[in-house]
Amino acid sequence: MSPEVILCRGHTTKADIYSMGATIIHMQTGIPPWVNRYPRSAYPSYLYIIHKQAPPLEDIAEDCSTSMRELLEAALERNPNHRLSAADLLKHEALHPPPEEQPRCQSLDSALFERKRLLARKELQLPENITGNDIRLTYLALCRFYFVSKLDLSECLETNKTQKASGKAPVKLSVR
């Protein structure tokens, strides 16, 4: 809720801009803004909204781009007269499509995979010419190695005997 709505001073569509900014922070972090300050009660959060300029920077996701951070600060401006309009927000740099050389993701799954791929490339210091399939195969091989190294074969054999005794088909474990 925007400060003007909380104070019952009347509001315009700029209150929705404020709500959009708070919603973006909630979507980025999974936690509504200001909740870290007052985790047990909503009422002190309202006081914080009324008296403070915008949410503290730690409420905004750490990996948030500079342009998105600027957009959030503009959307969460306490004074509605200084808050950006919807038309101004649509022109903001943070809402422009990414440059063509930046990879675009078609779904949340592909976005998560792309992020993991970029992090793996950075973590493992992989060369730029390595393909996604090479990374995926390396990742699967590492997962299998980890699984097999943590596997206690005596437990598997015991489970196999129990399943035979109960009339269930035994589970066959094969690692390639």
N, C-alpha and C. Protein backbone atom coordinates (compact mmCIF):
# COMPACT_ATOMS: atom_id res chain seq x y z
N MET A 1 0.83 -1.18 0.00
CA MET A 1 0.00 0.00 0.00
C MET A 1 0.88 1.24 0.00
N SER A 2 0.45 2.22 -0.74
CA SER A 2 1.22 3.47 -0.81
C SER A 2 0.92 4.32 0.42
N PRO A 3 1.82 5.26 0.74
CA PRO A 3 1.60 6.11 1.92
C PRO A 3 0.29 6.89 1.86
N GLU A 4 -0.08 7.38 0.68
CA GLU A 4 -1.32 8.17 0.59
C GLU A 4 -2.56 7.32 0.83
N VAL A 5 -2.51 6.05 0.46
CA VAL A 5 -3.64 5.14 0.72
C VAL A 5 -3.72 4.85 2.22
N ILE A 6 -2.58 4.60 2.85
CA ILE A 6 -2.57 4.32 4.30
C ILE A 6 -3.10 5.52 5.08
N LEU A 7 -2.73 6.72 4.64
CA LEU A 7 -3.15 7.94 5.34
C LEU A 7 -4.55 8.40 4.95
N CYS A 8 -5.21 7.69 4.03
CA CYS A 8 -6.57 8.03 3.57
C CYS A 8 -6.63 9.47 3.06
N ARG A 9 -5.65 9.87 2.27
CA ARG A 9 -5.60 11.23 1.72
C ARG A 9 -6.11 11.29 0.29
N GLY A 10 -6.71 10.23 -0.16
CA GLY A 10 -7.11 10.19 -1.57
C GLY A 10 -5.93 9.74 -2.39
N HIS A 11 -6.21 9.12 -3.51
CA HIS A 11 -5.10 8.62 -4.31
C HIS A 11 -5.47 8.60 -5.78
N THR A 12 -4.44 8.49 -6.58
CA THR A 12 -4.60 8.42 -8.03
C THR A 12 -3.98 7.10 -8.50
N THR A 13 -3.79 7.00 -9.78
CA THR A 13 -3.17 5.79 -10.32
C THR A 13 -1.71 5.66 -9.88
N LYS A 14 -1.13 6.73 -9.36
CA LYS A 14 0.25 6.66 -8.88
C LYS A 14 0.37 5.75 -7.66
N ALA A 15 -0.74 5.53 -6.96
CA ALA A 15 -0.72 4.56 -5.85
C ALA A 15 -0.48 3.15 -6.41
N ASP A 16 -0.99 2.89 -7.61
CA ASP A 16 -0.76 1.59 -8.25
C ASP A 16 0.70 1.42 -8.65
N ILE A 17 1.35 2.52 -9.03
CA ILE A 17 2.77 2.48 -9.37
C ILE A 17 3.58 2.07 -8.14
N TYR A 18 3.22 2.65 -7.00
CA TYR A 18 3.88 2.31 -5.74
C TYR A 18 3.68 0.82 -5.44
N SER A 19 2.45 0.35 -5.59
CA SER A 19 2.15 -1.06 -5.33
C SER A 19 2.91 -1.98 -6.28
N MET A 20 3.06 -1.54 -7.52
CA MET A 20 3.82 -2.33 -8.49
C MET A 20 5.27 -2.46 -8.04
N GLY A 21 5.86 -1.38 -7.56
CA GLY A 21 7.24 -1.43 -7.07
C GLY A 21 7.39 -2.40 -5.91
N ALA A 22 6.45 -2.34 -4.97
CA ALA A 22 6.49 -3.26 -3.82
C ALA A 22 6.29 -4.70 -4.29
N THR A 23 5.43 -4.90 -5.27
CA THR A 23 5.18 -6.25 -5.80
C THR A 23 6.42 -6.80 -6.50
N ILE A 24 7.13 -5.97 -7.23
CA ILE A 24 8.36 -6.42 -7.91
C ILE A 24 9.39 -6.87 -6.88
N ILE A 25 9.54 -6.11 -5.80
CA ILE A 25 10.48 -6.52 -4.74
C ILE A 25 10.05 -7.85 -4.15
N HIS A 26 8.75 -8.00 -3.91
CA HIS A 26 8.23 -9.26 -3.36
C HIS A 26 8.51 -10.42 -4.32
N MET A 27 8.32 -10.19 -5.62
CA MET A 27 8.58 -11.24 -6.61
C MET A 27 10.06 -11.58 -6.70
N GLN A 28 10.93 -10.58 -6.58
CA GLN A 28 12.37 -10.81 -6.68
C GLN A 28 12.92 -11.58 -5.50
N THR A 29 12.44 -11.24 -4.31
CA THR A 29 13.05 -11.78 -3.10
C THR A 29 12.21 -12.84 -2.41
N GLY A 30 10.91 -12.89 -2.72
CA GLY A 30 10.02 -13.82 -2.03
C GLY A 30 9.51 -13.29 -0.70
N ILE A 31 9.92 -12.08 -0.35
CA ILE A 31 9.52 -11.46 0.92
C ILE A 31 9.04 -10.05 0.62
N PRO A 32 7.88 -9.64 1.16
CA PRO A 32 7.43 -8.27 0.93
C PRO A 32 8.42 -7.27 1.52
N PRO A 33 8.53 -6.07 0.92
CA PRO A 33 9.43 -5.07 1.49
C PRO A 33 8.99 -4.67 2.90
N TRP A 34 9.94 -4.29 3.70
CA TRP A 34 9.76 -3.81 5.08
C TRP A 34 9.46 -4.92 6.08
N VAL A 35 9.18 -6.13 5.65
CA VAL A 35 8.82 -7.20 6.59
C VAL A 35 10.01 -7.56 7.48
N ASN A 36 11.22 -7.45 6.97
CA ASN A 36 12.39 -7.78 7.78
C ASN A 36 12.52 -6.85 8.99
N ARG A 37 12.01 -5.66 8.88
CA ARG A 37 12.06 -4.73 10.00
C ARG A 37 11.05 -5.06 11.08
N TYR A 38 9.87 -5.49 10.65
CA TYR A 38 8.77 -5.77 11.58
C TYR A 38 8.14 -7.11 11.23
N PRO A 39 8.78 -8.21 11.55
CA PRO A 39 8.29 -9.51 11.10
C PRO A 39 7.00 -9.98 11.76
N ARG A 40 6.65 -9.46 12.90
CA ARG A 40 5.50 -10.00 13.63
C ARG A 40 4.21 -9.20 13.45
N SER A 41 4.30 -8.00 12.93
CA SER A 41 3.10 -7.17 12.87
C SER A 41 3.09 -6.34 11.60
N ALA A 42 1.91 -6.17 11.03
CA ALA A 42 1.78 -5.34 9.83
C ALA A 42 1.73 -3.86 10.20
N TYR A 43 1.22 -3.53 11.37
CA TYR A 43 1.01 -2.13 11.74
C TYR A 43 2.30 -1.32 11.74
N PRO A 44 3.39 -1.77 12.39
CA PRO A 44 4.62 -0.98 12.32
C PRO A 44 5.15 -0.84 10.89
N SER A 45 4.88 -1.83 10.03
CA SER A 45 5.29 -1.71 8.63
C SER A 45 4.61 -0.52 7.98
N TYR A 46 3.34 -0.31 8.29
CA TYR A 46 2.63 0.85 7.75
C TYR A 46 3.27 2.14 8.22
N LEU A 47 3.68 2.20 9.48
CA LEU A 47 4.35 3.39 9.99
C LEU A 47 5.66 3.62 9.23
N TYR A 48 6.36 2.55 8.95
CA TYR A 48 7.62 2.66 8.22
C TYR A 48 7.35 3.20 6.82
N ILE A 49 6.31 2.70 6.17
CA ILE A 49 5.97 3.16 4.81
C ILE A 49 5.63 4.65 4.82
N ILE A 50 4.90 5.09 5.84
CA ILE A 50 4.48 6.49 5.91
C ILE A 50 5.66 7.42 6.13
N HIS A 51 6.59 7.04 6.99
CA HIS A 51 7.62 7.97 7.42
C HIS A 51 8.96 7.83 6.70
N LYS A 52 9.20 6.74 6.00
CA LYS A 52 10.47 6.56 5.31
C LYS A 52 10.29 6.79 3.82
N GLN A 53 11.39 7.15 3.17
CA GLN A 53 11.33 7.50 1.76
C GLN A 53 11.02 6.28 0.87
N ALA A 54 11.74 5.23 1.02
CA ALA A 54 11.56 4.03 0.20
C ALA A 54 12.12 2.85 0.99
N PRO A 55 11.88 1.63 0.52
CA PRO A 55 12.45 0.50 1.26
C PRO A 55 13.98 0.57 1.25
N PRO A 56 14.60 0.13 2.32
CA PRO A 56 16.06 0.11 2.34
C PRO A 56 16.61 -0.77 1.21
N LEU A 57 17.81 -0.47 0.80
CA LEU A 57 18.40 -1.19 -0.33
C LEU A 57 18.50 -2.68 -0.08
N GLU A 58 18.62 -3.11 1.17
CA GLU A 58 18.72 -4.56 1.40
C GLU A 58 17.41 -5.28 1.11
N ASP A 59 16.30 -4.54 0.98
CA ASP A 59 15.03 -5.17 0.62
C ASP A 59 14.97 -5.50 -0.88
N ILE A 60 15.80 -4.85 -1.67
CA ILE A 60 15.85 -5.10 -3.10
C ILE A 60 16.83 -6.24 -3.34
N ALA A 61 16.50 -7.13 -4.26
CA ALA A 61 17.34 -8.31 -4.54
C ALA A 61 18.77 -7.88 -4.86
N GLU A 62 19.73 -8.65 -4.37
CA GLU A 62 21.15 -8.33 -4.56
C GLU A 62 21.56 -8.32 -6.03
N ASP A 63 20.99 -9.24 -6.82
CA ASP A 63 21.39 -9.33 -8.23
C ASP A 63 20.53 -8.46 -9.14
N CYS A 64 19.83 -7.52 -8.55
CA CYS A 64 18.98 -6.60 -9.31
C CYS A 64 19.87 -5.64 -10.10
N SER A 65 19.53 -5.41 -11.36
CA SER A 65 20.33 -4.52 -12.19
C SER A 65 20.20 -3.08 -11.70
N THR A 66 21.15 -2.26 -12.08
CA THR A 66 21.14 -0.86 -11.68
C THR A 66 19.90 -0.16 -12.22
N SER A 67 19.54 -0.44 -13.46
CA SER A 67 18.36 0.22 -14.04
C SER A 67 17.08 -0.22 -13.33
N MET A 68 16.97 -1.49 -12.96
CA MET A 68 15.78 -1.95 -12.23
C MET A 68 15.75 -1.35 -10.83
N ARG A 69 16.90 -1.22 -10.22
CA ARG A 69 16.98 -0.59 -8.89
C ARG A 69 16.49 0.87 -8.97
N GLU A 70 16.90 1.57 -10.03
CA GLU A 70 16.45 2.96 -10.23
C GLU A 70 14.94 3.00 -10.46
N LEU A 71 14.42 2.06 -11.24
CA LEU A 71 12.98 2.01 -11.47
C LEU A 71 12.22 1.78 -10.16
N LEU A 72 12.71 0.87 -9.33
CA LEU A 72 12.05 0.59 -8.05
C LEU A 72 12.09 1.80 -7.13
N GLU A 73 13.22 2.47 -7.09
CA GLU A 73 13.32 3.67 -6.25
C GLU A 73 12.35 4.75 -6.74
N ALA A 74 12.21 4.89 -8.06
CA ALA A 74 11.28 5.88 -8.61
C ALA A 74 9.83 5.48 -8.36
N ALA A 75 9.53 4.19 -8.46
CA ALA A 75 8.16 3.72 -8.24
C ALA A 75 7.77 3.81 -6.77
N LEU A 76 8.74 3.67 -5.87
CA LEU A 76 8.45 3.69 -4.44
C LEU A 76 8.70 5.06 -3.81
N GLU A 77 8.73 6.09 -4.62
CA GLU A 77 8.85 7.45 -4.12
C GLU A 77 7.68 7.74 -3.19
N ARG A 78 7.97 8.25 -2.00
CA ARG A 78 6.93 8.49 -0.99
C ARG A 78 5.92 9.54 -1.44
N ASN A 79 6.40 10.60 -2.07
CA ASN A 79 5.53 11.68 -2.53
C ASN A 79 4.96 11.31 -3.90
N PRO A 80 3.63 11.16 -4.01
CA PRO A 80 3.04 10.75 -5.30
C PRO A 80 3.28 11.76 -6.42
N ASN A 81 3.48 13.03 -6.08
CA ASN A 81 3.75 14.04 -7.12
C ASN A 81 5.12 13.85 -7.75
N HIS A 82 6.04 13.22 -7.04
CA HIS A 82 7.38 12.96 -7.57
C HIS A 82 7.52 11.56 -8.15
N ARG A 83 6.51 10.74 -7.97
CA ARG A 83 6.53 9.36 -8.46
C ARG A 83 6.35 9.35 -9.97
N LEU A 84 6.98 8.41 -10.64
CA LEU A 84 6.84 8.31 -12.10
C LEU A 84 5.41 7.93 -12.48
N SER A 85 4.99 8.39 -13.63
CA SER A 85 3.68 7.99 -14.16
C SER A 85 3.84 6.66 -14.88
N ALA A 86 2.72 6.06 -15.24
CA ALA A 86 2.77 4.78 -15.97
C ALA A 86 3.47 4.96 -17.31
N ALA A 87 3.20 6.08 -17.99
CA ALA A 87 3.84 6.33 -19.29
C ALA A 87 5.36 6.46 -19.12
N ASP A 88 5.79 7.15 -18.07
CA ASP A 88 7.23 7.29 -17.82
C ASP A 88 7.87 5.94 -17.48
N LEU A 89 7.15 5.13 -16.72
CA LEU A 89 7.68 3.80 -16.38
C LEU A 89 7.87 2.95 -17.62
N LEU A 90 6.92 3.03 -18.55
CA LEU A 90 7.02 2.23 -19.77
C LEU A 90 8.22 2.64 -20.62
N LYS A 91 8.67 3.89 -20.47
CA LYS A 91 9.83 4.37 -21.21
C LYS A 91 11.14 4.09 -20.48
N HIS A 92 11.04 3.59 -19.25
CA HIS A 92 12.25 3.41 -18.43
C HIS A 92 13.16 2.34 -19.03
N GLU A 93 14.45 2.55 -18.87
CA GLU A 93 15.47 1.65 -19.42
C GLU A 93 15.32 0.21 -18.92
N ALA A 94 14.88 0.04 -17.69
CA ALA A 94 14.76 -1.32 -17.11
C ALA A 94 13.72 -2.16 -17.84
N LEU A 95 12.77 -1.53 -18.51
CA LEU A 95 11.72 -2.27 -19.20
C LEU A 95 11.98 -2.43 -20.69
N HIS A 96 13.13 -1.95 -21.17
CA HIS A 96 13.47 -2.13 -22.58
C HIS A 96 13.91 -3.56 -22.81
N PRO A 97 13.68 -4.08 -24.01
CA PRO A 97 14.14 -5.45 -24.28
C PRO A 97 15.67 -5.51 -24.20
N PRO A 98 16.21 -6.67 -23.85
CA PRO A 98 17.67 -6.79 -23.75
C PRO A 98 18.31 -6.69 -25.12
N PRO A 99 19.58 -6.31 -25.17
CA PRO A 99 20.28 -6.28 -26.45
C PRO A 99 20.29 -7.67 -27.08
N GLU A 100 20.44 -7.71 -28.38
CA GLU A 100 20.38 -8.99 -29.09
C GLU A 100 21.46 -9.96 -28.65
N GLU A 101 22.64 -9.46 -28.24
CA GLU A 101 23.69 -10.39 -27.83
C GLU A 101 23.42 -11.02 -26.47
N GLN A 102 22.49 -10.44 -25.71
CA GLN A 102 22.13 -11.02 -24.41
C GLN A 102 21.11 -12.13 -24.64
N PRO A 103 21.32 -13.32 -24.06
CA PRO A 103 20.39 -14.43 -24.31
C PRO A 103 19.01 -14.15 -23.74
N ARG A 104 17.99 -14.50 -24.49
CA ARG A 104 16.61 -14.36 -24.02
C ARG A 104 16.10 -15.73 -23.62
N CYS A 105 15.28 -15.76 -22.61
CA CYS A 105 14.73 -17.02 -22.13
C CYS A 105 13.25 -17.08 -22.44
N GLN A 106 12.78 -18.22 -22.87
CA GLN A 106 11.38 -18.37 -23.26
C GLN A 106 10.49 -18.79 -22.11
N SER A 107 11.05 -19.34 -21.05
CA SER A 107 10.22 -19.78 -19.93
C SER A 107 11.04 -19.69 -18.65
N LEU A 108 10.37 -19.89 -17.54
CA LEU A 108 11.07 -19.87 -16.26
C LEU A 108 12.10 -20.99 -16.20
N ASP A 109 11.76 -22.17 -16.71
CA ASP A 109 12.71 -23.29 -16.70
C ASP A 109 13.97 -22.94 -17.49
N SER A 110 13.78 -22.35 -18.67
CA SER A 110 14.95 -22.03 -19.47
C SER A 110 15.74 -20.88 -18.84
N ALA A 111 15.05 -19.97 -18.16
CA ALA A 111 15.74 -18.88 -17.46
C ALA A 111 16.59 -19.44 -16.32
N LEU A 112 16.04 -20.38 -15.57
CA LEU A 112 16.79 -20.99 -14.48
C LEU A 112 17.98 -21.79 -15.01
N PHE A 113 17.75 -22.53 -16.11
CA PHE A 113 18.85 -23.29 -16.69
C PHE A 113 19.95 -22.35 -17.19
N GLU A 114 19.54 -21.26 -17.84
CA GLU A 114 20.52 -20.30 -18.36
C GLU A 114 21.33 -19.70 -17.22
N ARG A 115 20.67 -19.37 -16.12
CA ARG A 115 21.38 -18.80 -14.97
C ARG A 115 22.36 -19.83 -14.39
N LYS A 116 21.91 -21.09 -14.24
CA LYS A 116 22.80 -22.13 -13.73
C LYS A 116 23.99 -22.34 -14.67
N ARG A 117 23.72 -22.29 -15.97
CA ARG A 117 24.78 -22.48 -16.95
C ARG A 117 25.82 -21.37 -16.84
N LEU A 118 25.35 -20.13 -16.73
CA LEU A 118 26.28 -19.00 -16.62
C LEU A 118 27.07 -19.06 -15.32
N LEU A 119 26.39 -19.45 -14.23
CA LEU A 119 27.09 -19.58 -12.94
C LEU A 119 28.12 -20.71 -12.98
N ALA A 120 27.75 -21.83 -13.62
CA ALA A 120 28.68 -22.96 -13.73
C ALA A 120 29.88 -22.56 -14.58
N ARG A 121 29.61 -21.86 -15.66
CA ARG A 121 30.70 -21.41 -16.54
C ARG A 121 31.66 -20.51 -15.76
N LYS A 122 31.09 -19.61 -14.96
CA LYS A 122 31.91 -18.70 -14.16
C LYS A 122 32.66 -19.46 -13.07
N GLU A 123 31.95 -20.34 -12.35
CA GLU A 123 32.54 -21.10 -11.24
C GLU A 123 33.66 -22.02 -11.72
N LEU A 124 33.41 -22.72 -12.81
CA LEU A 124 34.39 -23.69 -13.30
C LEU A 124 35.40 -23.07 -14.26
N GLN A 125 35.24 -21.78 -14.55
CA GLN A 125 36.09 -21.05 -15.48
C GLN A 125 36.17 -21.77 -16.82
N LEU A 126 34.98 -22.07 -17.35
CA LEU A 126 34.90 -22.80 -18.61
C LEU A 126 35.14 -21.84 -19.78
N PRO A 127 35.70 -22.34 -20.88
CA PRO A 127 35.89 -21.49 -22.05
C PRO A 127 34.55 -21.12 -22.68
N GLU A 128 34.54 -20.02 -23.41
CA GLU A 128 33.30 -19.52 -24.00
C GLU A 128 32.74 -20.44 -25.08
N ASN A 129 33.59 -21.24 -25.75
CA ASN A 129 33.12 -22.06 -26.86
C ASN A 129 32.49 -23.38 -26.42
N ILE A 130 32.45 -23.65 -25.12
CA ILE A 130 31.82 -24.89 -24.66
C ILE A 130 30.30 -24.75 -24.80
N THR A 131 29.65 -25.80 -25.24
CA THR A 131 28.21 -25.73 -25.49
C THR A 131 27.41 -26.10 -24.26
N GLY A 132 26.12 -25.80 -24.31
CA GLY A 132 25.22 -26.15 -23.22
C GLY A 132 25.16 -27.65 -23.00
N ASN A 133 25.23 -28.44 -24.10
CA ASN A 133 25.20 -29.90 -23.96
C ASN A 133 26.44 -30.41 -23.24
N ASP A 134 27.60 -29.81 -23.52
CA ASP A 134 28.83 -30.21 -22.82
C ASP A 134 28.69 -29.95 -21.33
N ILE A 135 28.14 -28.80 -20.98
CA ILE A 135 27.95 -28.46 -19.56
C ILE A 135 26.95 -29.41 -18.93
N ARG A 136 25.86 -29.69 -19.64
CA ARG A 136 24.84 -30.58 -19.10
C ARG A 136 25.41 -31.98 -18.86
N LEU A 137 26.19 -32.50 -19.82
CA LEU A 137 26.79 -33.82 -19.66
C LEU A 137 27.79 -33.84 -18.50
N THR A 138 28.57 -32.78 -18.37
CA THR A 138 29.52 -32.69 -17.26
C THR A 138 28.78 -32.66 -15.94
N TYR A 139 27.70 -31.88 -15.89
CA TYR A 139 26.89 -31.78 -14.67
C TYR A 139 26.29 -33.14 -14.31
N LEU A 140 25.72 -33.84 -15.30
CA LEU A 140 25.13 -35.15 -15.03
C LEU A 140 26.19 -36.14 -14.56
N ALA A 141 27.37 -36.09 -15.15
CA ALA A 141 28.44 -36.99 -14.72
C ALA A 141 28.84 -36.70 -13.28
N LEU A 142 28.93 -35.42 -12.93
CA LEU A 142 29.27 -35.06 -11.55
C LEU A 142 28.18 -35.50 -10.58
N CYS A 143 26.92 -35.34 -10.98
CA CYS A 143 25.80 -35.77 -10.13
C CYS A 143 25.86 -37.28 -9.90
N ARG A 144 26.10 -38.04 -10.96
CA ARG A 144 26.17 -39.50 -10.83
C ARG A 144 27.34 -39.90 -9.93
N PHE A 145 28.48 -39.24 -10.12
CA PHE A 145 29.63 -39.54 -9.29
C PHE A 145 29.31 -39.26 -7.82
N TYR A 146 28.67 -38.11 -7.56
CA TYR A 146 28.32 -37.76 -6.18
C TYR A 146 27.35 -38.79 -5.60
N PHE A 147 26.34 -39.17 -6.39
CA PHE A 147 25.34 -40.12 -5.92
C PHE A 147 25.99 -41.46 -5.60
N VAL A 148 26.83 -41.95 -6.51
CA VAL A 148 27.46 -43.26 -6.32
C VAL A 148 28.43 -43.20 -5.14
N SER A 149 29.14 -42.09 -4.98
CA SER A 149 30.10 -42.00 -3.88
C SER A 149 29.39 -41.95 -2.53
N LYS A 150 28.15 -41.48 -2.49
CA LYS A 150 27.39 -41.41 -1.24
C LYS A 150 26.56 -42.66 -0.99
N LEU A 151 26.50 -43.53 -1.98
CA LEU A 151 25.64 -44.70 -1.90
C LEU A 151 26.29 -45.79 -1.05
N ASP A 152 25.53 -46.33 -0.14
CA ASP A 152 26.00 -47.45 0.68
C ASP A 152 25.39 -48.72 0.07
N LEU A 153 26.22 -49.53 -0.56
CA LEU A 153 25.71 -50.70 -1.27
C LEU A 153 25.04 -51.70 -0.35
N SER A 154 25.47 -51.78 0.91
CA SER A 154 24.83 -52.72 1.84
C SER A 154 23.37 -52.34 2.06
N GLU A 155 23.07 -51.03 2.07
CA GLU A 155 21.68 -50.60 2.21
C GLU A 155 20.87 -51.01 0.99
N CYS A 156 21.47 -50.90 -0.19
CA CYS A 156 20.76 -51.29 -1.42
C CYS A 156 20.45 -52.78 -1.40
N LEU A 157 21.42 -53.59 -1.00
CA LEU A 157 21.20 -55.04 -0.96
C LEU A 157 20.14 -55.39 0.06
N GLU A 158 20.14 -54.73 1.21
CA GLU A 158 19.14 -54.98 2.25
C GLU A 158 17.75 -54.62 1.73
N THR A 159 17.65 -53.49 1.03
CA THR A 159 16.36 -53.07 0.46
C THR A 159 15.89 -54.10 -0.56
N ASN A 160 16.80 -54.63 -1.35
CA ASN A 160 16.48 -55.63 -2.36
C ASN A 160 15.89 -56.89 -1.69
N LYS A 161 16.51 -57.35 -0.59
CA LYS A 161 16.01 -58.53 0.13
C LYS A 161 14.62 -58.27 0.70
N THR A 162 14.42 -57.09 1.27
CA THR A 162 13.12 -56.73 1.86
C THR A 162 12.04 -56.73 0.79
N GLN A 163 12.35 -56.20 -0.38
CA GLN A 163 11.37 -56.15 -1.45
C GLN A 163 11.03 -57.55 -1.95
N LYS A 164 12.01 -58.43 -2.02
CA LYS A 164 11.74 -59.81 -2.44
C LYS A 164 10.84 -60.50 -1.43
N ALA A 165 11.12 -60.28 -0.14
CA ALA A 165 10.33 -60.93 0.91
C ALA A 165 8.89 -60.43 0.91
N SER A 166 8.67 -59.18 0.56
CA SER A 166 7.31 -58.64 0.57
C SER A 166 6.57 -58.92 -0.73
N GLY A 167 7.22 -59.56 -1.68
CA GLY A 167 6.57 -59.89 -2.94
C GLY A 167 6.68 -58.80 -3.99
N LYS A 168 7.39 -57.73 -3.68
CA LYS A 168 7.57 -56.66 -4.65
C LYS A 168 8.77 -56.97 -5.52
N ALA A 169 8.73 -56.46 -6.72
CA ALA A 169 9.86 -56.67 -7.63
C ALA A 169 11.07 -55.90 -7.11
N PRO A 170 12.25 -56.50 -7.18
CA PRO A 170 13.44 -55.80 -6.69
C PRO A 170 13.78 -54.61 -7.59
N VAL A 171 14.36 -53.62 -7.00
CA VAL A 171 14.80 -52.44 -7.74
C VAL A 171 16.20 -52.70 -8.25
N LYS A 172 16.39 -52.51 -9.54
CA LYS A 172 17.71 -52.73 -10.11
C LYS A 172 18.42 -51.39 -10.19
N LEU A 173 19.60 -51.32 -9.65
CA LEU A 173 20.39 -50.10 -9.66
C LEU A 173 21.49 -50.26 -10.69
N SER A 174 21.48 -49.39 -11.67
CA SER A 174 22.56 -49.43 -12.65
C SER A 174 23.06 -48.02 -12.87
N VAL A 175 24.35 -47.87 -12.90
CA VAL A 175 24.98 -46.58 -13.13
C VAL A 175 25.82 -46.72 -14.38
N ARG A 176 25.60 -45.82 -15.31
CA ARG A 176 26.34 -45.87 -16.58
C ARG A 176 27.46 -44.88 -16.59
